[in-house]
Amino acid sequence: MVENEGYLRAWSRLALMMHSFKAMRVNKTLITITGAIALTALAGCYGEPLTTREQGTAIGAGTGAVAGAVVGSTVGEPLAGAAVGGVAGGATGFAVGNHIQNEQDRGE
């Protein structure tokens, strides 16, 4: 019985170590994602303001990705839905933004 307690302690220590390694990986991933979002936000603030065409494309792609993820999650594939929705929304947003941009250029 004494030998089994030693193995049990060893296994419990190993389980605790593995759990802490898993938590460290999750924290690393979360920090990496947060850093990437922050860098993207800072990079977006650099340079000239977006044109109407670029704004339409960005808004359309974002809205399409969200809508696609919602629709895709109903069938169990939210990432595929977001990808398809983002492409379709970006194309639609570009078309609308391009039309508005052309009208603004003609009016000036």
Protein backbone atom coordinates (compact mmCIF):
# COMPACT_ATOMS: atom_id res chain seq x y z
CA MET A 1 0.00 0.00 0.00
CA VAL A 2 2.89 2.37 0.77
CA GLU A 3 4.37 1.90 -2.72
CA ASN A 4 1.04 2.79 -4.35
CA GLU A 5 0.92 6.06 -2.40
CA GLY A 6 4.31 7.03 -3.81
CA TYR A 7 3.11 6.41 -7.37
CA LEU A 8 -0.08 8.31 -6.67
CA ARG A 9 1.87 11.33 -5.41
CA ALA A 10 4.15 11.21 -8.42
CA TRP A 11 1.21 11.08 -10.81
CA SER A 12 -0.60 13.89 -9.01
CA ARG A 13 2.54 16.08 -9.21
CA LEU A 14 2.86 15.29 -12.89
CA ALA A 15 -0.81 16.17 -13.46
CA LEU A 16 -0.35 19.50 -11.66
CA MET A 17 2.72 20.30 -13.74
CA MET A 18 0.92 19.48 -16.98
CA HIS A 19 -2.02 21.63 -15.92
CA SER A 20 0.26 24.60 -15.22
CA PHE A 21 2.00 24.16 -18.61
CA LYS A 22 -1.39 24.16 -20.34
CA ALA A 23 -2.38 27.34 -18.49
CA MET A 24 0.91 28.97 -19.53
CA ARG A 25 0.24 28.11 -23.19
CA VAL A 26 -3.24 29.60 -22.99
CA ASN A 27 -1.86 32.76 -21.40
CA LYS A 28 0.86 33.01 -24.08
CA THR A 29 -1.73 32.62 -26.82
CA LEU A 30 -3.98 35.24 -25.25
CA ILE A 31 -1.09 37.69 -24.92
CA THR A 32 -0.05 37.07 -28.53
CA ILE A 33 -3.57 37.65 -29.85
CA THR A 34 -4.00 40.79 -27.74
CA GLY A 35 -0.66 42.14 -28.96
CA ALA A 36 -1.55 41.45 -32.59
CA ILE A 37 -4.86 43.29 -32.20
CA ALA A 38 -3.12 46.26 -30.55
CA LEU A 39 -0.48 46.45 -33.30
CA THR A 40 -3.15 46.26 -35.98
CA ALA A 41 -5.10 49.06 -34.32
CA LEU A 42 -1.98 51.24 -34.08
CA ALA A 43 -1.02 50.54 -37.68
CA GLY A 44 -4.52 51.49 -38.78
CA CYS A 45 -4.08 54.95 -37.27
CA TYR A 46 -0.98 55.65 -39.36
CA GLY A 47 -1.19 57.40 -42.72
CA GLU A 48 -3.85 59.24 -44.64
CA PRO A 49 -7.56 58.81 -43.93
CA LEU A 50 -9.37 56.06 -45.80
CA THR A 51 -11.22 56.86 -48.99
CA THR A 52 -14.92 56.13 -49.32
CA ARG A 53 -14.04 53.07 -51.41
CA GLU A 54 -11.70 51.72 -48.71
CA GLN A 55 -14.20 52.44 -45.96
CA GLY A 56 -16.93 50.60 -47.84
CA THR A 57 -14.67 47.60 -48.38
CA ALA A 58 -13.63 47.43 -44.72
CA ILE A 59 -17.14 47.87 -43.37
CA GLY A 60 -18.54 45.33 -45.82
CA ALA A 61 -15.85 42.77 -45.03
CA GLY A 62 -16.30 43.16 -41.28
CA THR A 63 -20.07 43.00 -41.41
CA GLY A 64 -19.98 40.06 -43.81
CA ALA A 65 -17.53 38.15 -41.61
CA VAL A 66 -19.70 38.60 -38.53
CA ALA A 67 -22.86 37.63 -40.37
CA GLY A 68 -21.10 34.67 -41.98
CA ALA A 69 -19.84 33.47 -38.61
CA VAL A 70 -23.35 33.63 -37.17
CA VAL A 71 -24.83 31.74 -40.10
CA GLY A 72 -21.91 29.29 -40.19
CA SER A 73 -22.25 28.53 -36.49
CA THR A 74 -25.77 27.24 -37.07
CA VAL A 75 -24.33 24.50 -39.28
CA GLY A 76 -21.22 23.94 -37.13
CA GLU A 77 -18.66 25.77 -39.30
CA PRO A 78 -18.30 29.34 -37.99
CA LEU A 79 -14.81 29.91 -39.43
CA ALA A 80 -15.84 28.84 -42.92
CA GLY A 81 -18.93 31.03 -42.66
CA ALA A 82 -16.83 33.99 -41.54
CA ALA A 83 -14.41 33.51 -44.44
CA VAL A 84 -17.16 33.30 -47.05
CA GLY A 85 -19.09 36.16 -45.46
CA GLY A 86 -15.99 38.33 -45.28
CA VAL A 87 -15.18 37.83 -48.95
CA ALA A 88 -18.76 38.41 -50.05
CA GLY A 89 -19.17 41.42 -47.75
CA GLY A 90 -15.86 42.89 -48.87
CA ALA A 91 -16.82 42.57 -52.54
CA THR A 92 -20.22 44.14 -51.91
CA GLY A 93 -18.72 46.88 -49.76
CA PHE A 94 -16.15 47.64 -52.46
CA ALA A 95 -18.87 47.90 -55.10
CA VAL A 96 -20.95 50.28 -52.98
CA GLY A 97 -17.92 52.30 -51.84
CA ASN A 98 -16.62 52.52 -55.41
CA HIS A 99 -19.99 53.79 -56.66
CA ILE A 100 -20.15 56.45 -53.93
CA GLN A 101 -16.51 57.43 -54.54
CA ASN A 102 -17.15 57.83 -58.28
CA GLU A 103 -20.18 60.02 -57.58
CA GLN A 104 -18.13 62.17 -55.20
CA ASP A 105 -15.36 62.53 -57.79
CA ARG A 106 -17.85 63.60 -60.48
CA GLY A 107 -19.46 66.14 -58.15
CA GLU A 108 -16.20 67.87 -57.24
